[in-house]
Amino acid sequence: MSSETVNIYDLMACNVYMDFDTPLPKEQHKFLLAFHPTGGRPVHELVETITAIGPNGYEVDIANQEFTRSNLNGWIYDRTTNSHWYMVNLTTGFMDPGEYRIVVQCKDGATTEISRTQDNTSTDRMTTAYLQNREKLKNSYHPGQNEKLPDGAPLHNIKVTCDSLSELSGVDAYYVFRLCEAASALEFDTQNLYWWDNIFLQRLTNPEAGKNRTTLVLGAALKPDTAYTYFCELTDSNSMGGTNICIFQPHQTFHS
């Protein structure tokens, strides 16, 4: 279809400190490539290959397949924007600093690309501050820790509260919250989020979106007698291209 276009929205190529309860290494890195809606078929039907190229001969293929918790490489559909993004999680440690470039080869022969430069300074600063305050942060989330909401409590405008990394350590952080209808971390489905706060879009109207946030009001009403699991990601920026480090805090579960 002539109206279909493959346009990159932004690139997150950054270090990840994965503090989930898994046997995988904590120090990882990832590529997250967001696309605009194509105006037609989903982008994965228009793309042939996606390749990440970095310093010191670095090269990784981002698979044109559905992302799952077992393959950790592929596309994810974002219902909130009717668009797709591609992500690959790599368990080979933090990235080397320097420029990383993503090249997208389309099935019609067209090529598009985007790049960003990784700076590891904030990785050292944020991970040190986080690890020094990990238990305080983990225990500060409410509702969480398998709590049950009080009987008769309203199921809309639920507030989630937590301590601030900035107040505990002096290190600023941006907070990204993802909620899933799930009874445990094992049931958390990235492809089927119940709600999430997209600070990367919110920043277009609020430059401080997500910064040092200690209270979040859920933007979706909850179902009664249902288990929910969420996690809060700490980043050093609310711009995808400006992010150098993401810290994935442990999952929290509560019941409505």
C-alpha atoms as a PDB file:
ATOM      1  CA  MET A   1       0.000   0.000   0.000  1.00  0.00           C
ATOM      2  CA  SER A   2       1.449   3.359  -1.033  1.00  0.00           C
ATOM      3  CA  SER A   3       0.271   5.044   2.179  1.00  0.00           C
ATOM      4  CA  GLU A   4       2.295   2.723   4.412  1.00  0.00           C
ATOM      5  CA  THR A   5       5.503   4.138   5.843  1.00  0.00           C
ATOM      6  CA  VAL A   6       8.159   2.815   8.211  1.00  0.00           C
ATOM      7  CA  ASN A   7       9.218   5.731  10.394  1.00  0.00           C
ATOM      8  CA  ILE A   8      11.314   5.389  13.544  1.00  0.00           C
ATOM      9  CA  TYR A   9      10.033   7.341  16.549  1.00  0.00           C
ATOM     10  CA  ASP A  10      13.025   6.952  18.864  1.00  0.00           C
ATOM     11  CA  LEU A  11      15.733   4.584  20.068  1.00  0.00           C
ATOM     12  CA  MET A  12      16.619   3.463  23.571  1.00  0.00           C
ATOM     13  CA  ALA A  13      19.983   1.693  23.571  1.00  0.00           C
ATOM     14  CA  CYS A  14      21.168   1.494  27.145  1.00  0.00           C
ATOM     15  CA  ASN A  15      22.440  -0.477  30.104  1.00  0.00           C
ATOM     16  CA  VAL A  16      19.971  -2.463  32.198  1.00  0.00           C
ATOM     17  CA  TYR A  17      20.306  -3.528  35.813  1.00  0.00           C
ATOM     18  CA  MET A  18      17.756  -6.361  35.901  1.00  0.00           C
ATOM     19  CA  ASP A  19      16.786  -6.848  39.542  1.00  0.00           C
ATOM     20  CA  PHE A  20      14.165  -9.505  38.852  1.00  0.00           C
ATOM     21  CA  ASP A  21      14.075 -12.876  40.591  1.00  0.00           C
ATOM     22  CA  THR A  22      15.640 -14.846  37.732  1.00  0.00           C
ATOM     23  CA  PRO A  23      18.918 -16.749  37.248  1.00  0.00           C
ATOM     24  CA  LEU A  24      19.988 -14.290  34.528  1.00  0.00           C
ATOM     25  CA  PRO A  25      22.881 -11.884  35.148  1.00  0.00           C
ATOM     26  CA  LYS A  26      21.870  -8.561  36.689  1.00  0.00           C
ATOM     27  CA  GLU A  27      24.072  -6.478  34.398  1.00  0.00           C
ATOM     28  CA  GLN A  28      22.560  -6.444  30.917  1.00  0.00           C
ATOM     29  CA  HIS A  29      21.832  -4.036  28.080  1.00  0.00           C
ATOM     30  CA  LYS A  30      18.993  -3.594  25.637  1.00  0.00           C
ATOM     31  CA  PHE A  31      17.827  -1.996  22.434  1.00  0.00           C
ATOM     32  CA  LEU A  32      14.288  -0.650  22.244  1.00  0.00           C
ATOM     33  CA  LEU A  33      13.260   0.752  18.876  1.00  0.00           C
ATOM     34  CA  ALA A  34       9.893   2.526  18.701  1.00  0.00           C
ATOM     35  CA  PHE A  35       8.063   3.122  15.421  1.00  0.00           C
ATOM     36  CA  HIS A  36       5.297   5.498  14.435  1.00  0.00           C
ATOM     37  CA  PRO A  37       2.056   3.825  13.262  1.00  0.00           C
ATOM     38  CA  THR A  38       2.552   2.829   9.625  1.00  0.00           C
ATOM     39  CA  GLY A  39      -0.842   3.931   8.311  1.00  0.00           C
ATOM     40  CA  GLY A  40      -1.497   0.366   7.193  1.00  0.00           C
ATOM     41  CA  ARG A  41      -0.156  -3.048   8.058  1.00  0.00           C
ATOM     42  CA  PRO A  42       1.832  -3.534  11.287  1.00  0.00           C
ATOM     43  CA  VAL A  43       5.476  -2.598  10.959  1.00  0.00           C
ATOM     44  CA  HIS A  44       6.700  -6.180  11.381  1.00  0.00           C
ATOM     45  CA  GLU A  45       5.018  -7.042   8.060  1.00  0.00           C
ATOM     46  CA  LEU A  46       7.002  -4.297   6.315  1.00  0.00           C
ATOM     47  CA  VAL A  47      10.438  -4.865   7.870  1.00  0.00           C
ATOM     48  CA  GLU A  48      13.025  -7.341   6.568  1.00  0.00           C
ATOM     49  CA  THR A  49      15.900  -6.955   9.045  1.00  0.00           C
ATOM     50  CA  ILE A  50      16.950  -4.769  11.974  1.00  0.00           C
ATOM     51  CA  THR A  51      20.616  -4.606  12.959  1.00  0.00           C
ATOM     52  CA  ALA A  52      22.336  -2.858  15.867  1.00  0.00           C
ATOM     53  CA  ILE A  53      25.919  -1.741  15.220  1.00  0.00           C
ATOM     54  CA  GLY A  54      28.249  -0.374  17.882  1.00  0.00           C
ATOM     55  CA  PRO A  55      31.880   0.241  18.843  1.00  0.00           C
ATOM     56  CA  ASN A  56      34.634  -2.382  18.764  1.00  0.00           C
ATOM     57  CA  GLY A  57      32.930  -4.499  16.095  1.00  0.00           C
ATOM     58  CA  TYR A  58      29.649  -4.806  18.015  1.00  0.00           C
ATOM     59  CA  GLU A  59      26.740  -6.152  15.936  1.00  0.00           C
ATOM     60  CA  VAL A  60      23.422  -7.694  17.013  1.00  0.00           C
ATOM     61  CA  ASP A  61      20.313  -8.655  15.042  1.00  0.00           C
ATOM     62  CA  ILE A  62      16.919  -7.673  16.426  1.00  0.00           C
ATOM     63  CA  ALA A  63      14.568 -10.482  15.434  1.00  0.00           C
ATOM     64  CA  ASN A  64      11.415  -9.875  13.411  1.00  0.00           C
ATOM     65  CA  GLN A  65       9.308 -12.096  15.664  1.00  0.00           C
ATOM     66  CA  GLU A  66       6.943 -11.619  18.572  1.00  0.00           C
ATOM     67  CA  PHE A  67       8.786 -10.799  21.805  1.00  0.00           C
ATOM     68  CA  THR A  68       8.276 -13.325  24.616  1.00  0.00           C
ATOM     69  CA  ARG A  69       9.786 -13.825  28.069  1.00  0.00           C
ATOM     70  CA  SER A  70      11.678 -16.831  26.690  1.00  0.00           C
ATOM     71  CA  ASN A  71      13.184 -15.315  23.510  1.00  0.00           C
ATOM     72  CA  LEU A  72      13.679 -11.733  24.842  1.00  0.00           C
ATOM     73  CA  ASN A  73      13.986 -10.519  21.256  1.00  0.00           C
ATOM     74  CA  GLY A  74      11.261  -9.250  18.944  1.00  0.00           C
ATOM     75  CA  TRP A  75       8.319  -6.897  18.513  1.00  0.00           C
ATOM     76  CA  ILE A  76       5.762  -5.739  21.065  1.00  0.00           C
ATOM     77  CA  TYR A  77       2.418  -4.125  20.264  1.00  0.00           C
ATOM     78  CA  ASP A  78       1.549  -1.009  22.266  1.00  0.00           C
ATOM     79  CA  ARG A  79      -2.225  -0.693  22.354  1.00  0.00           C
ATOM     80  CA  THR A  80      -2.045   2.793  23.857  1.00  0.00           C
ATOM     81  CA  THR A  81      -0.430   4.234  20.718  1.00  0.00           C
ATOM     82  CA  ASN A  82      -1.514   1.606  18.151  1.00  0.00           C
ATOM     83  CA  SER A  83       2.119   1.094  17.236  1.00  0.00           C
ATOM     84  CA  HIS A  84       4.914  -1.419  17.604  1.00  0.00           C
ATOM     85  CA  TRP A  85       8.305  -1.342  19.178  1.00  0.00           C
ATOM     86  CA  TYR A  86      11.121  -3.831  18.970  1.00  0.00           C
ATOM     87  CA  MET A  87      13.192  -4.883  21.942  1.00  0.00           C
ATOM     88  CA  VAL A  88      16.095  -7.210  22.583  1.00  0.00           C
ATOM     89  CA  ASN A  89      17.489  -7.875  26.059  1.00  0.00           C
ATOM     90  CA  LEU A  90      21.110  -9.005  26.045  1.00  0.00           C
ATOM     91  CA  THR A  91      22.589 -10.722  29.102  1.00  0.00           C
ATOM     92  CA  THR A  92      26.220 -10.103  28.118  1.00  0.00           C
ATOM     93  CA  GLY A  93      26.813  -7.239  30.556  1.00  0.00           C
ATOM     94  CA  PHE A  94      26.742  -3.460  30.272  1.00  0.00           C
ATOM     95  CA  MET A  95      27.495  -1.759  26.950  1.00  0.00           C
ATOM     96  CA  ASP A  96      30.765  -0.142  26.010  1.00  0.00           C
ATOM     97  CA  PRO A  97      30.423   3.630  25.771  1.00  0.00           C
ATOM     98  CA  GLY A  98      30.206   5.080  22.287  1.00  0.00           C
ATOM     99  CA  GLU A  99      27.860   5.412  19.333  1.00  0.00           C
ATOM    100  CA  TYR A 100      25.243   2.744  18.579  1.00  0.00           C
ATOM    101  CA  ARG A 101      23.362   2.710  15.293  1.00  0.00           C
ATOM    102  CA  ILE A 102      20.218   0.819  14.291  1.00  0.00           C
ATOM    103  CA  VAL A 103      19.722   0.024  10.603  1.00  0.00           C
ATOM    104  CA  VAL A 104      16.246  -1.040   9.443  1.00  0.00           C
ATOM    105  CA  GLN A 105      16.006  -2.747   6.053  1.00  0.00           C
ATOM    106  CA  CYS A 106      12.445  -2.765   4.703  1.00  0.00           C
ATOM    107  CA  LYS A 107      10.929  -5.352   2.395  1.00  0.00           C
ATOM    108  CA  ASP A 108      10.457  -2.726  -0.327  1.00  0.00           C
ATOM    109  CA  GLY A 109      14.207  -2.051  -0.360  1.00  0.00           C
ATOM    110  CA  ALA A 110      14.103   1.177   1.624  1.00  0.00           C
ATOM    111  CA  THR A 111      16.488   1.695   4.534  1.00  0.00           C
ATOM    112  CA  THR A 112      16.110   3.886   7.599  1.00  0.00           C
ATOM    113  CA  GLU A 113      18.362   4.284  10.615  1.00  0.00           C
ATOM    114  CA  ILE A 114      18.852   6.055  13.938  1.00  0.00           C
ATOM    115  CA  SER A 115      21.769   6.366  16.341  1.00  0.00           C
ATOM    116  CA  ARG A 116      22.626   7.507  19.857  1.00  0.00           C
ATOM    117  CA  THR A 117      25.757   7.755  22.012  1.00  0.00           C
ATOM    118  CA  GLN A 118      26.023   5.737  25.236  1.00  0.00           C
ATOM    119  CA  ASP A 119      27.596   7.405  28.289  1.00  0.00           C
ATOM    120  CA  ASN A 120      28.213   5.073  31.247  1.00  0.00           C
ATOM    121  CA  THR A 121      28.727   7.805  33.867  1.00  0.00           C
ATOM    122  CA  SER A 122      25.123   7.678  35.090  1.00  0.00           C
ATOM    123  CA  THR A 123      25.192   3.860  35.144  1.00  0.00           C
ATOM    124  CA  ASP A 124      27.832   3.871  37.869  1.00  0.00           C
ATOM    125  CA  ARG A 125      26.095   6.636  39.813  1.00  0.00           C
ATOM    126  CA  MET A 126      22.552   5.220  39.690  1.00  0.00           C
ATOM    127  CA  THR A 127      23.367   1.558  40.276  1.00  0.00           C
ATOM    128  CA  THR A 128      25.534   2.430  43.285  1.00  0.00           C
ATOM    129  CA  ALA A 129      22.759   4.579  44.780  1.00  0.00           C
ATOM    130  CA  TYR A 130      20.138   1.931  44.039  1.00  0.00           C
ATOM    131  CA  LEU A 131      22.057  -0.977  45.557  1.00  0.00           C
ATOM    132  CA  GLN A 132      22.769   1.009  48.721  1.00  0.00           C
ATOM    133  CA  ASN A 133      19.022   1.619  49.152  1.00  0.00           C
ATOM    134  CA  ARG A 134      17.543  -1.466  47.489  1.00  0.00           C
ATOM    135  CA  GLU A 135      15.718  -2.928  50.474  1.00  0.00           C
ATOM    136  CA  LYS A 136      14.255   0.412  51.552  1.00  0.00           C
ATOM    137  CA  LEU A 137      12.954   1.029  48.051  1.00  0.00           C
ATOM    138  CA  LYS A 138      11.590  -2.491  47.632  1.00  0.00           C
ATOM    139  CA  ASN A 139       9.729  -2.399  50.943  1.00  0.00           C
ATOM    140  CA  SER A 140       8.316   1.081  50.362  1.00  0.00           C
ATOM    141  CA  TYR A 141       5.876   0.173  47.571  1.00  0.00           C
ATOM    142  CA  HIS A 142       2.182   0.263  48.529  1.00  0.00           C
ATOM    143  CA  PRO A 143      -0.004  -1.409  47.599  1.00  0.00           C
ATOM    144  CA  GLY A 144       2.498  -4.214  47.122  1.00  0.00           C
ATOM    145  CA  GLN A 145       4.111  -7.004  49.114  1.00  0.00           C
ATOM    146  CA  ASN A 146       1.013  -9.171  48.372  1.00  0.00           C
ATOM    147  CA  GLU A 147      -1.276  -6.695  50.134  1.00  0.00           C
ATOM    148  CA  LYS A 148      -5.033  -6.787  49.667  1.00  0.00           C
ATOM    149  CA  LEU A 149      -6.952  -3.558  49.236  1.00  0.00           C
ATOM    150  CA  PRO A 150      -9.436  -2.913  52.063  1.00  0.00           C
ATOM    151  CA  ASP A 151     -12.905  -4.383  51.569  1.00  0.00           C
ATOM    152  CA  GLY A 152     -15.152  -1.864  49.864  1.00  0.00           C
ATOM    153  CA  ALA A 153     -12.252   0.310  48.713  1.00  0.00           C
ATOM    154  CA  PRO A 154     -12.870   2.139  45.415  1.00  0.00           C
ATOM    155  CA  LEU A 155     -11.233   0.513  42.396  1.00  0.00           C
ATOM    156  CA  HIS A 156     -10.511   3.698  40.475  1.00  0.00           C
ATOM    157  CA  ASN A 157      -7.840   6.364  41.017  1.00  0.00           C
ATOM    158  CA  ILE A 158      -5.761   3.922  43.064  1.00  0.00           C
ATOM    159  CA  LYS A 159      -2.594   5.546  44.416  1.00  0.00           C
ATOM    160  CA  VAL A 160       0.710   3.678  44.374  1.00  0.00           C
ATOM    161  CA  THR A 161       3.338   5.179  46.667  1.00  0.00           C
ATOM    162  CA  CYS A 162       7.046   4.558  47.187  1.00  0.00           C
ATOM    163  CA  ASP A 163      10.183   6.140  48.590  1.00  0.00           C
ATOM    164  CA  SER A 164      12.286   8.393  46.388  1.00  0.00           C
ATOM    165  CA  LEU A 165      15.784   7.382  45.321  1.00  0.00           C
ATOM    166  CA  SER A 166      16.569  11.092  45.206  1.00  0.00           C
ATOM    167  CA  GLU A 167      15.555  11.636  48.834  1.00  0.00           C
ATOM    168  CA  LEU A 168      17.496   8.567  49.974  1.00  0.00           C
ATOM    169  CA  SER A 169      20.670   9.159  47.985  1.00  0.00           C
ATOM    170  CA  GLY A 170      20.604  12.545  46.245  1.00  0.00           C
ATOM    171  CA  VAL A 171      20.532  10.838  42.830  1.00  0.00           C
ATOM    172  CA  ASP A 172      17.652  11.847  40.553  1.00  0.00           C
ATOM    173  CA  ALA A 173      15.667   9.178  38.722  1.00  0.00           C
ATOM    174  CA  TYR A 174      12.673   8.938  36.414  1.00  0.00           C
ATOM    175  CA  TYR A 175       9.980   6.364  37.178  1.00  0.00           C
ATOM    176  CA  VAL A 176       8.226   4.179  34.585  1.00  0.00           C
ATOM    177  CA  PHE A 177       5.371   2.034  35.921  1.00  0.00           C
ATOM    178  CA  ARG A 178       3.948  -1.094  34.230  1.00  0.00           C
ATOM    179  CA  LEU A 179       0.923  -2.993  35.557  1.00  0.00           C
ATOM    180  CA  CYS A 180      -0.352  -6.399  34.482  1.00  0.00           C
ATOM    181  CA  GLU A 181      -3.288  -8.560  35.529  1.00  0.00           C
ATOM    182  CA  ALA A 182      -1.170 -11.322  37.052  1.00  0.00           C
ATOM    183  CA  ALA A 183      -0.784 -13.201  40.327  1.00  0.00           C
ATOM    184  CA  SER A 184       3.027 -13.276  40.207  1.00  0.00           C
ATOM    185  CA  ALA A 185       6.061 -12.137  38.247  1.00  0.00           C
ATOM    186  CA  LEU A 186       5.925 -15.395  36.291  1.00  0.00           C
ATOM    187  CA  GLU A 187       2.504 -14.417  34.933  1.00  0.00           C
ATOM    188  CA  PHE A 188       3.561 -10.881  33.969  1.00  0.00           C
ATOM    189  CA  ASP A 189       2.978 -10.479  30.220  1.00  0.00           C
ATOM    190  CA  THR A 190       4.770  -7.615  28.472  1.00  0.00           C
ATOM    191  CA  GLN A 191       2.479  -8.081  25.469  1.00  0.00           C
ATOM    192  CA  ASN A 192      -0.650  -7.589  27.570  1.00  0.00           C
ATOM    193  CA  LEU A 193      -0.142  -4.693  29.962  1.00  0.00           C
ATOM    194  CA  TYR A 194      -3.195  -3.621  31.938  1.00  0.00           C
ATOM    195  CA  TRP A 195      -1.829  -0.076  32.134  1.00  0.00           C
ATOM    196  CA  TRP A 196       1.437   1.810  31.995  1.00  0.00           C
ATOM    197  CA  ASP A 197       2.485   5.437  32.275  1.00  0.00           C
ATOM    198  CA  ASN A 198       4.339   6.407  29.122  1.00  0.00           C
ATOM    199  CA  ILE A 199       6.573   9.176  30.441  1.00  0.00           C
ATOM    200  CA  PHE A 200       8.392   9.169  27.101  1.00  0.00           C
ATOM    201  CA  LEU A 201       5.254  10.696  25.550  1.00  0.00           C
ATOM    202  CA  GLN A 202       4.205  12.668  28.631  1.00  0.00           C
ATOM    203  CA  ARG A 203       7.467  14.599  28.494  1.00  0.00           C
ATOM    204  CA  LEU A 204       6.248  16.336  25.321  1.00  0.00           C
ATOM    205  CA  THR A 205       3.871  18.392  27.476  1.00  0.00           C
ATOM    206  CA  ASN A 206       5.596  17.950  30.851  1.00  0.00           C
ATOM    207  CA  PRO A 207       9.410  18.038  30.704  1.00  0.00           C
ATOM    208  CA  GLU A 208       9.599  16.713  34.289  1.00  0.00           C
ATOM    209  CA  ALA A 209       7.347  13.687  33.642  1.00  0.00           C
ATOM    210  CA  GLY A 210       8.224  10.815  35.983  1.00  0.00           C
ATOM    211  CA  LYS A 211      11.043  12.627  37.795  1.00  0.00           C
ATOM    212  CA  ASN A 212      11.574  11.620  41.447  1.00  0.00           C
ATOM    213  CA  ARG A 213       7.960  10.492  41.675  1.00  0.00           C
ATOM    214  CA  THR A 214       6.717   9.053  44.964  1.00  0.00           C
ATOM    215  CA  THR A 215       2.989   8.870  44.164  1.00  0.00           C
ATOM    216  CA  LEU A 216       1.281   7.559  41.042  1.00  0.00           C
ATOM    217  CA  VAL A 217      -2.453   7.444  40.338  1.00  0.00           C
ATOM    218  CA  LEU A 218      -3.350   4.439  38.189  1.00  0.00           C
ATOM    219  CA  GLY A 219      -4.969   5.523  34.943  1.00  0.00           C
ATOM    220  CA  ALA A 220      -7.216   2.462  34.712  1.00  0.00           C
ATOM    221  CA  ALA A 221      -9.913   1.205  37.073  1.00  0.00           C
ATOM    222  CA  LEU A 222      -9.199  -2.181  38.645  1.00  0.00           C
ATOM    223  CA  LYS A 223     -11.392  -5.263  38.535  1.00  0.00           C
ATOM    224  CA  PRO A 224     -12.741  -6.611  41.838  1.00  0.00           C
ATOM    225  CA  ASP A 225     -11.134  -9.660  43.473  1.00  0.00           C
ATOM    226  CA  THR A 226      -8.230  -9.675  41.030  1.00  0.00           C
ATOM    227  CA  ALA A 227      -4.472 -10.076  41.409  1.00  0.00           C
ATOM    228  CA  TYR A 228      -2.223  -7.430  39.872  1.00  0.00           C
ATOM    229  CA  THR A 229       1.542  -7.406  39.462  1.00  0.00           C
ATOM    230  CA  TYR A 230       3.659  -4.395  38.569  1.00  0.00           C
ATOM    231  CA  PHE A 231       7.206  -3.187  38.479  1.00  0.00           C
ATOM    232  CA  CYS A 232       8.729   0.260  38.473  1.00  0.00           C
ATOM    233  CA  GLU A 233      11.679   1.007  36.227  1.00  0.00           C
ATOM    234  CA  LEU A 234      14.170   3.697  37.226  1.00  0.00           C
ATOM    235  CA  THR A 235      15.921   5.587  34.422  1.00  0.00           C
ATOM    236  CA  ASP A 236      18.274   8.541  34.139  1.00  0.00           C
ATOM    237  CA  SER A 237      16.063  10.290  31.569  1.00  0.00           C
ATOM    238  CA  ASN A 238      12.458  10.501  30.363  1.00  0.00           C
ATOM    239  CA  SER A 239      13.700  10.668  26.790  1.00  0.00           C
ATOM    240  CA  MET A 240      14.287   7.328  25.090  1.00  0.00           C
ATOM    241  CA  GLY A 241      17.330   8.617  23.243  1.00  0.00           C
ATOM    242  CA  GLY A 242      18.664  10.275  26.383  1.00  0.00           C
ATOM    243  CA  THR A 243      18.524   7.139  28.536  1.00  0.00           C
ATOM    244  CA  ASN A 244      21.815   5.481  29.496  1.00  0.00           C
ATOM    245  CA  ILE A 245      20.627   3.183  32.320  1.00  0.00           C
ATOM    246  CA  CYS A 246      17.399   1.422  33.301  1.00  0.00           C
ATOM    247  CA  ILE A 247      17.008  -0.279  36.663  1.00  0.00           C
ATOM    248  CA  PHE A 248      14.201  -2.830  36.752  1.00  0.00           C
ATOM    249  CA  GLN A 249      13.095  -3.065  40.380  1.00  0.00           C
ATOM    250  CA  PRO A 250      11.563  -6.289  41.754  1.00  0.00           C
ATOM    251  CA  HIS A 251       7.949  -7.063  40.919  1.00  0.00           C
ATOM    252  CA  GLN A 252       5.211  -6.197  43.395  1.00  0.00           C
ATOM    253  CA  THR A 253       1.858  -8.002  43.679  1.00  0.00           C
ATOM    254  CA  PHE A 254      -1.384  -6.871  45.299  1.00  0.00           C
ATOM    255  CA  HIS A 255      -5.040  -7.934  45.254  1.00  0.00           C
ATOM    256  CA  SER A 256      -8.123  -5.799  44.723  1.00  0.00           C
END
